[in-house]
C-alpha atoms as a PDB file:
ATOM      1  CA  UNK A   1      11.547   4.784   8.559  1.00  0.00           C
ATOM      2  CA  UNK A   2       9.553   5.715   5.525  1.00  0.00           C
ATOM      3  CA  UNK A   3       7.123   8.488   4.840  1.00  0.00           C
ATOM      4  CA  UNK A   4       4.311   7.233   2.681  1.00  0.00           C
ATOM      5  CA  UNK A   5       2.263  10.175   1.537  1.00  0.00           C
ATOM      6  CA  UNK A   6       0.341   9.522  -1.657  1.00  0.00           C
ATOM      7  CA  UNK A   7      -1.303  12.851  -2.345  1.00  0.00           C
ATOM      8  CA  UNK A   8      -2.555  13.220  -5.917  1.00  0.00           C
ATOM      9  CA  UNK A   9      -0.404  15.488  -8.095  1.00  0.00           C
ATOM     10  CA  UNK A  10      -1.481  18.174 -10.530  1.00  0.00           C
ATOM     11  CA  UNK A  11       0.637  16.820 -13.381  1.00  0.00           C
ATOM     12  CA  UNK A  12      -1.977  14.355 -14.559  1.00  0.00           C
ATOM     13  CA  UNK A  13      -0.376  13.580 -17.921  1.00  0.00           C
ATOM     14  CA  UNK A  14       2.992  12.667 -16.427  1.00  0.00           C
ATOM     15  CA  UNK A  15       1.351  10.714 -13.629  1.00  0.00           C
ATOM     16  CA  UNK A  16      -0.783   8.814 -16.113  1.00  0.00           C
ATOM     17  CA  UNK A  17       2.326   7.755 -18.019  1.00  0.00           C
ATOM     18  CA  UNK A  18       3.892   6.594 -14.783  1.00  0.00           C
ATOM     19  CA  UNK A  19       0.789   4.658 -13.784  1.00  0.00           C
ATOM     20  CA  UNK A  20       0.507   2.889 -17.121  1.00  0.00           C
ATOM     21  CA  UNK A  21       4.194   1.954 -17.049  1.00  0.00           C
ATOM     22  CA  UNK A  22       3.853   0.666 -13.516  1.00  0.00           C
ATOM     23  CA  UNK A  23       0.791  -1.446 -14.171  1.00  0.00           C
ATOM     24  CA  UNK A  24       2.225  -2.964 -17.348  1.00  0.00           C
ATOM     25  CA  UNK A  25       5.754  -3.666 -16.148  1.00  0.00           C
ATOM     26  CA  UNK A  26       5.436  -3.982 -12.375  1.00  0.00           C
ATOM     27  CA  UNK A  27       8.081  -1.236 -11.944  1.00  0.00           C
ATOM     28  CA  UNK A  28      10.975  -3.583 -11.463  1.00  0.00           C
ATOM     29  CA  UNK A  29      10.362  -5.620 -14.582  1.00  0.00           C
ATOM     30  CA  UNK A  30      11.024  -8.916 -12.797  1.00  0.00           C
ATOM     31  CA  UNK A  31       9.984 -12.121 -14.550  1.00  0.00           C
ATOM     32  CA  UNK A  32       8.021 -13.389 -11.572  1.00  0.00           C
ATOM     33  CA  UNK A  33       7.907 -13.001  -7.824  1.00  0.00           C
ATOM     34  CA  UNK A  34       9.922 -16.164  -7.174  1.00  0.00           C
ATOM     35  CA  UNK A  35      13.134 -15.003  -8.886  1.00  0.00           C
ATOM     36  CA  UNK A  36      13.873 -11.752  -7.104  1.00  0.00           C
ATOM     37  CA  UNK A  37      15.970 -13.306  -4.331  1.00  0.00           C
ATOM     38  CA  UNK A  38      18.696 -14.668  -6.583  1.00  0.00           C
ATOM     39  CA  UNK A  39      21.132 -11.808  -6.034  1.00  0.00           C
ATOM     40  CA  UNK A  40      20.903 -11.693  -2.235  1.00  0.00           C
ATOM     41  CA  UNK A  41      24.172 -11.459  -0.344  1.00  0.00           C
ATOM     42  CA  UNK A  42      25.138 -13.595   2.597  1.00  0.00           C
ATOM     43  CA  UNK A  43      23.872 -12.221   5.881  1.00  0.00           C
ATOM     44  CA  UNK A  44      21.322  -9.913   4.297  1.00  0.00           C
ATOM     45  CA  UNK A  45      17.624 -10.007   5.103  1.00  0.00           C
ATOM     46  CA  UNK A  46      15.703 -12.263   2.740  1.00  0.00           C
ATOM     47  CA  UNK A  47      14.310 -10.607  -0.366  1.00  0.00           C
ATOM     48  CA  UNK A  48      10.685  -9.581  -0.399  1.00  0.00           C
ATOM     49  CA  UNK A  49       9.498 -11.923  -3.125  1.00  0.00           C
ATOM     50  CA  UNK A  50      11.359 -14.974  -1.897  1.00  0.00           C
ATOM     51  CA  UNK A  51       9.500 -15.000   1.415  1.00  0.00           C
ATOM     52  CA  UNK A  52       6.172 -13.749   0.153  1.00  0.00           C
ATOM     53  CA  UNK A  53       3.126 -15.143   1.873  1.00  0.00           C
ATOM     54  CA  UNK A  54      -0.564 -14.216   1.889  1.00  0.00           C
ATOM     55  CA  UNK A  55      -1.179 -11.010   3.809  1.00  0.00           C
ATOM     56  CA  UNK A  56      -3.570 -10.976   6.780  1.00  0.00           C
ATOM     57  CA  UNK A  57      -6.044  -8.863   4.817  1.00  0.00           C
ATOM     58  CA  UNK A  58      -9.729  -9.795   4.776  1.00  0.00           C
ATOM     59  CA  UNK A  59     -10.662 -12.979   2.941  1.00  0.00           C
ATOM     60  CA  UNK A  60     -10.818 -12.663  -0.833  1.00  0.00           C
ATOM     61  CA  UNK A  61     -13.990 -14.755  -1.057  1.00  0.00           C
ATOM     62  CA  UNK A  62     -16.051 -13.845   1.989  1.00  0.00           C
ATOM     63  CA  UNK A  63     -18.264 -11.449   0.002  1.00  0.00           C
ATOM     64  CA  UNK A  64     -18.320 -13.364  -3.278  1.00  0.00           C
ATOM     65  CA  UNK A  65     -16.106 -10.874  -5.141  1.00  0.00           C
ATOM     66  CA  UNK A  66     -13.397 -12.413  -7.323  1.00  0.00           C
ATOM     67  CA  UNK A  67     -10.430 -10.536  -5.890  1.00  0.00           C
ATOM     68  CA  UNK A  68      -6.747 -10.711  -6.865  1.00  0.00           C
ATOM     69  CA  UNK A  69      -4.604 -12.339  -4.195  1.00  0.00           C
ATOM     70  CA  UNK A  70      -2.282 -10.033  -2.303  1.00  0.00           C
ATOM     71  CA  UNK A  71       0.980 -11.508  -1.032  1.00  0.00           C
ATOM     72  CA  UNK A  72       3.316  -9.704   1.328  1.00  0.00           C
ATOM     73  CA  UNK A  73       6.680 -11.048   2.473  1.00  0.00           C
ATOM     74  CA  UNK A  74       7.091 -12.278   6.016  1.00  0.00           C
ATOM     75  CA  UNK A  75       9.161  -9.241   6.997  1.00  0.00           C
ATOM     76  CA  UNK A  76       6.260  -6.884   6.238  1.00  0.00           C
ATOM     77  CA  UNK A  77       3.562  -6.531   8.889  1.00  0.00           C
ATOM     78  CA  UNK A  78       0.597  -4.189   8.532  1.00  0.00           C
ATOM     79  CA  UNK A  79      -1.494  -3.879  11.665  1.00  0.00           C
ATOM     80  CA  UNK A  80      -4.988  -2.460  11.204  1.00  0.00           C
ATOM     81  CA  UNK A  81      -6.510  -1.525  14.523  1.00  0.00           C
ATOM     82  CA  UNK A  82     -10.168  -1.096  15.354  1.00  0.00           C
ATOM     83  CA  UNK A  83     -11.706  -4.391  14.274  1.00  0.00           C
ATOM     84  CA  UNK A  84     -15.353  -4.660  13.329  1.00  0.00           C
ATOM     85  CA  UNK A  85     -17.543  -1.586  13.694  1.00  0.00           C
ATOM     86  CA  UNK A  86     -20.752  -3.618  13.883  1.00  0.00           C
ATOM     87  CA  UNK A  87     -21.978  -1.906  10.711  1.00  0.00           C
ATOM     88  CA  UNK A  88     -21.655  -4.233   7.710  1.00  0.00           C
ATOM     89  CA  UNK A  89     -21.412  -1.397   5.186  1.00  0.00           C
ATOM     90  CA  UNK A  90     -18.690   0.410   7.114  1.00  0.00           C
ATOM     91  CA  UNK A  91     -16.816  -2.840   7.629  1.00  0.00           C
ATOM     92  CA  UNK A  92     -16.857  -3.476   3.864  1.00  0.00           C
ATOM     93  CA  UNK A  93     -15.382  -0.034   3.208  1.00  0.00           C
ATOM     94  CA  UNK A  94     -12.662  -0.518   5.809  1.00  0.00           C
ATOM     95  CA  UNK A  95     -11.847  -3.952   4.405  1.00  0.00           C
ATOM     96  CA  UNK A  96     -11.252  -2.555   0.924  1.00  0.00           C
ATOM     97  CA  UNK A  97      -9.271   0.344   2.364  1.00  0.00           C
ATOM     98  CA  UNK A  98      -7.079  -2.243   4.083  1.00  0.00           C
ATOM     99  CA  UNK A  99      -6.683  -4.209   0.871  1.00  0.00           C
ATOM    100  CA  UNK A 100      -5.638  -1.054  -0.969  1.00  0.00           C
ATOM    101  CA  UNK A 101      -2.918  -0.332   1.569  1.00  0.00           C
ATOM    102  CA  UNK A 102      -1.647  -3.890   1.207  1.00  0.00           C
ATOM    103  CA  UNK A 103      -1.782  -3.668  -2.597  1.00  0.00           C
ATOM    104  CA  UNK A 104       0.493  -0.617  -2.565  1.00  0.00           C
ATOM    105  CA  UNK A 105       2.971  -2.321  -0.255  1.00  0.00           C
ATOM    106  CA  UNK A 106       2.921  -5.438  -2.423  1.00  0.00           C
ATOM    107  CA  UNK A 107       3.738  -3.355  -5.495  1.00  0.00           C
ATOM    108  CA  UNK A 108       6.691  -1.815  -3.654  1.00  0.00           C
ATOM    109  CA  UNK A 109       8.265  -4.892  -2.089  1.00  0.00           C
ATOM    110  CA  UNK A 110       7.371  -7.727  -4.485  1.00  0.00           C
ATOM    111  CA  UNK A 111       9.116  -7.708  -7.871  1.00  0.00           C
ATOM    112  CA  UNK A 112       6.565  -9.137 -10.276  1.00  0.00           C
ATOM    113  CA  UNK A 113       5.450  -8.652 -13.864  1.00  0.00           C
ATOM    114  CA  UNK A 114       2.084  -7.316 -12.763  1.00  0.00           C
ATOM    115  CA  UNK A 115       0.395  -6.056  -9.617  1.00  0.00           C
ATOM    116  CA  UNK A 116      -3.319  -6.491 -10.403  1.00  0.00           C
ATOM    117  CA  UNK A 117      -4.522  -5.615  -6.905  1.00  0.00           C
ATOM    118  CA  UNK A 118      -3.207  -2.078  -7.257  1.00  0.00           C
ATOM    119  CA  UNK A 119      -5.608  -1.200 -10.072  1.00  0.00           C
ATOM    120  CA  UNK A 120      -8.346  -3.304  -8.480  1.00  0.00           C
ATOM    121  CA  UNK A 121      -8.538  -1.115  -5.360  1.00  0.00           C
ATOM    122  CA  UNK A 122      -7.442   2.283  -6.716  1.00  0.00           C
ATOM    123  CA  UNK A 123      -8.548   4.450  -9.607  1.00  0.00           C
ATOM    124  CA  UNK A 124      -8.407   8.028 -10.892  1.00  0.00           C
ATOM    125  CA  UNK A 125      -6.154  10.350  -8.857  1.00  0.00           C
ATOM    126  CA  UNK A 126      -5.577   7.710  -6.184  1.00  0.00           C
ATOM    127  CA  UNK A 127      -4.179   5.279  -8.742  1.00  0.00           C
ATOM    128  CA  UNK A 128      -1.950   7.905 -10.328  1.00  0.00           C
ATOM    129  CA  UNK A 129      -0.521   9.119  -7.036  1.00  0.00           C
ATOM    130  CA  UNK A 130       0.027   5.549  -5.802  1.00  0.00           C
ATOM    131  CA  UNK A 131       1.872   4.676  -9.021  1.00  0.00           C
ATOM    132  CA  UNK A 132       4.114   7.725  -8.706  1.00  0.00           C
ATOM    133  CA  UNK A 133       4.844   6.892  -5.090  1.00  0.00           C
ATOM    134  CA  UNK A 134       5.631   3.243  -5.834  1.00  0.00           C
ATOM    135  CA  UNK A 135       7.879   4.154  -8.752  1.00  0.00           C
ATOM    136  CA  UNK A 136       9.964   6.378  -6.469  1.00  0.00           C
ATOM    137  CA  UNK A 137      11.074   3.277  -4.558  1.00  0.00           C
ATOM    138  CA  UNK A 138      12.223   1.532  -7.727  1.00  0.00           C
ATOM    139  CA  UNK A 139      13.932   4.654  -9.041  1.00  0.00           C
ATOM    140  CA  UNK A 140      16.009   4.760  -5.860  1.00  0.00           C
ATOM    141  CA  UNK A 141      16.621   0.978  -5.686  1.00  0.00           C
ATOM    142  CA  UNK A 142      15.000   0.764  -2.298  1.00  0.00           C
ATOM    143  CA  UNK A 143      12.275  -1.092  -0.489  1.00  0.00           C
ATOM    144  CA  UNK A 144      11.362  -1.363   3.186  1.00  0.00           C
ATOM    145  CA  UNK A 145      10.845  -3.834   5.996  1.00  0.00           C
ATOM    146  CA  UNK A 146       9.089  -3.840   9.357  1.00  0.00           C
ATOM    147  CA  UNK A 147       5.725  -3.121  10.953  1.00  0.00           C
ATOM    148  CA  UNK A 148       3.305  -0.316  10.107  1.00  0.00           C
ATOM    149  CA  UNK A 149       0.348   0.521  12.317  1.00  0.00           C
ATOM    150  CA  UNK A 150      -2.972   1.934  11.077  1.00  0.00           C
ATOM    151  CA  UNK A 151      -5.376   3.288  13.670  1.00  0.00           C
ATOM    152  CA  UNK A 152      -8.211   5.746  14.418  1.00  0.00           C
ATOM    153  CA  UNK A 153      -9.913   4.528  11.236  1.00  0.00           C
ATOM    154  CA  UNK A 154     -13.291   6.150  10.664  1.00  0.00           C
ATOM    155  CA  UNK A 155     -15.866   5.857   7.883  1.00  0.00           C
ATOM    156  CA  UNK A 156     -18.491   8.388   6.859  1.00  0.00           C
ATOM    157  CA  UNK A 157     -20.906   8.287   3.917  1.00  0.00           C
ATOM    158  CA  UNK A 158     -21.909  11.099   1.586  1.00  0.00           C
ATOM    159  CA  UNK A 159     -25.311  11.635  -0.030  1.00  0.00           C
ATOM    160  CA  UNK A 160     -23.881  10.653  -3.433  1.00  0.00           C
ATOM    161  CA  UNK A 161     -23.088   7.163  -2.106  1.00  0.00           C
ATOM    162  CA  UNK A 162     -19.344   7.654  -1.775  1.00  0.00           C
ATOM    163  CA  UNK A 163     -17.456   7.011   1.442  1.00  0.00           C
ATOM    164  CA  UNK A 164     -14.689   8.832   3.277  1.00  0.00           C
ATOM    165  CA  UNK A 165     -12.126   6.933   5.294  1.00  0.00           C
ATOM    166  CA  UNK A 166      -9.777   8.820   7.581  1.00  0.00           C
ATOM    167  CA  UNK A 167      -6.995   7.136   9.485  1.00  0.00           C
ATOM    168  CA  UNK A 168      -3.558   7.513  11.035  1.00  0.00           C
ATOM    169  CA  UNK A 169      -0.375   5.685  10.108  1.00  0.00           C
ATOM    170  CA  UNK A 170       2.645   5.035  12.337  1.00  0.00           C
ATOM    171  CA  UNK A 171       5.718   3.833  10.428  1.00  0.00           C
ATOM    172  CA  UNK A 172       8.257   4.255  13.241  1.00  0.00           C
ATOM    173  CA  UNK A 173       8.941   0.509  13.182  1.00  0.00           C
ATOM    174  CA  UNK A 174       9.803   0.305   9.487  1.00  0.00           C
ATOM    175  CA  UNK A 175      13.261   0.582   7.962  1.00  0.00           C
ATOM    176  CA  UNK A 176      14.693   1.206   4.487  1.00  0.00           C
ATOM    177  CA  UNK A 177      15.951  -1.818   2.568  1.00  0.00           C
ATOM    178  CA  UNK A 178      18.314  -1.858  -0.383  1.00  0.00           C
ATOM    179  CA  UNK A 179      16.429  -3.504  -3.237  1.00  0.00           C
ATOM    180  CA  UNK A 180      19.538  -5.033  -4.816  1.00  0.00           C
ATOM    181  CA  UNK A 181      21.379  -6.347  -1.769  1.00  0.00           C
ATOM    182  CA  UNK A 182      18.558  -6.833   0.718  1.00  0.00           C
ATOM    183  CA  UNK A 183      20.493  -4.908   3.369  1.00  0.00           C
ATOM    184  CA  UNK A 184      18.360  -3.108   5.939  1.00  0.00           C
ATOM    185  CA  UNK A 185      19.391   0.268   7.352  1.00  0.00           C
ATOM    186  CA  UNK A 186      18.353   0.120  10.994  1.00  0.00           C
ATOM    187  CA  UNK A 187      20.326   3.245  11.871  1.00  0.00           C
ATOM    188  CA  UNK A 188      17.500   5.455  10.627  1.00  0.00           C
ATOM    189  CA  UNK A 189      15.752   7.048  13.579  1.00  0.00           C
ATOM    190  CA  UNK A 190      12.058   7.715  13.987  1.00  0.00           C
ATOM    191  CA  UNK A 191      10.801  11.218  13.272  1.00  0.00           C
ATOM    192  CA  UNK A 192       7.497  13.119  13.477  1.00  0.00           C
ATOM    193  CA  UNK A 193       7.090  12.563   9.714  1.00  0.00           C
ATOM    194  CA  UNK A 194       6.518   8.874  10.449  1.00  0.00           C
ATOM    195  CA  UNK A 195       3.079   9.836  11.751  1.00  0.00           C
ATOM    196  CA  UNK A 196       0.740  10.545   8.852  1.00  0.00           C
ATOM    197  CA  UNK A 197      -2.957  11.388   8.725  1.00  0.00           C
ATOM    198  CA  UNK A 198      -4.878  10.232   5.639  1.00  0.00           C
ATOM    199  CA  UNK A 199      -8.195  11.386   4.212  1.00  0.00           C
ATOM    200  CA  UNK A 200      -9.436   9.143   1.399  1.00  0.00           C
ATOM    201  CA  UNK A 201     -12.515   9.004  -0.808  1.00  0.00           C
ATOM    202  CA  UNK A 202     -13.939   5.684  -2.002  1.00  0.00           C
ATOM    203  CA  UNK A 203     -16.606   4.739  -4.534  1.00  0.00           C
ATOM    204  CA  UNK A 204     -18.316   1.383  -4.886  1.00  0.00           C
ATOM    205  CA  UNK A 205     -17.987  -0.060  -8.394  1.00  0.00           C
ATOM    206  CA  UNK A 206     -20.327  -2.428 -10.224  1.00  0.00           C
ATOM    207  CA  UNK A 207     -18.466  -5.451  -8.854  1.00  0.00           C
ATOM    208  CA  UNK A 208     -19.116  -4.365  -5.288  1.00  0.00           C
ATOM    209  CA  UNK A 209     -15.548  -3.186  -4.611  1.00  0.00           C
ATOM    210  CA  UNK A 210     -14.927   0.046  -2.723  1.00  0.00           C
ATOM    211  CA  UNK A 211     -12.211   1.673  -4.827  1.00  0.00           C
ATOM    212  CA  UNK A 212     -10.189   4.599  -3.511  1.00  0.00           C
ATOM    213  CA  UNK A 213     -10.449   7.547  -5.905  1.00  0.00           C
ATOM    214  CA  UNK A 214      -8.540  10.294  -4.101  1.00  0.00           C
ATOM    215  CA  UNK A 215      -6.129  10.624  -1.217  1.00  0.00           C
ATOM    216  CA  UNK A 216      -4.800  13.534   0.809  1.00  0.00           C
ATOM    217  CA  UNK A 217      -2.277  13.226   3.606  1.00  0.00           C
ATOM    218  CA  UNK A 218      -0.580  15.227   6.325  1.00  0.00           C
ATOM    219  CA  UNK A 219       2.865  14.288   7.610  1.00  0.00           C
ATOM    220  CA  UNK A 220       3.861  14.900  11.237  1.00  0.00           C
ATOM    221  CA  UNK A 221       0.158  14.964  12.081  1.00  0.00           C
ATOM    222  CA  UNK A 222      -0.244  15.845  15.747  1.00  0.00           C
ATOM    223  CA  UNK A 223      -3.583  14.042  15.927  1.00  0.00           C
ATOM    224  CA  UNK A 224      -1.762  10.779  15.143  1.00  0.00           C
ATOM    225  CA  UNK A 225       1.022  11.091  17.733  1.00  0.00           C
END
């Protein structure tokens, strides 16, 4: 299983360098998302890019915003529980929170020249910490596969117009994957660290997108177990 904390770091200069490198080169430096499966070995799970398909995230055109398409491979499943709150403003915040989560996963598992959705839904400390986190996968030649569950998602609004989204993540059904061979290590056992509580801050930009600006997280969160 994977722990996916993306807390912002204090080393802003180093993180900024990492973020810029990530956004310009897509971490892996692949030519496009259709070529990454060429080195797969017989019997291995299919590569992320080769089986990429549109993620089940909210429609990119339902609110009129010109959004970058997010594609996740078939072996990646993100389940966002809770559905509609009945409040259009809260639902819009949750939708962009969901898209941000998917954009981070796309940047990890899909080898492409660019990952425009990452910068579209994250900025400031949240973008820097996400870039550092994503780069760690490439540095270790690993990816992941499986299902991740997001639940107990709540939205609150501040007087300055920003929003806070808190939620739990359960990654007990995900497994490490070797980026080069596509082999999945299913021997890894679930642990309390697979349950993470997130507290995120979002701001609405001029395009009408709720961008995440900061993230804090707690691993082995009892409230999520």
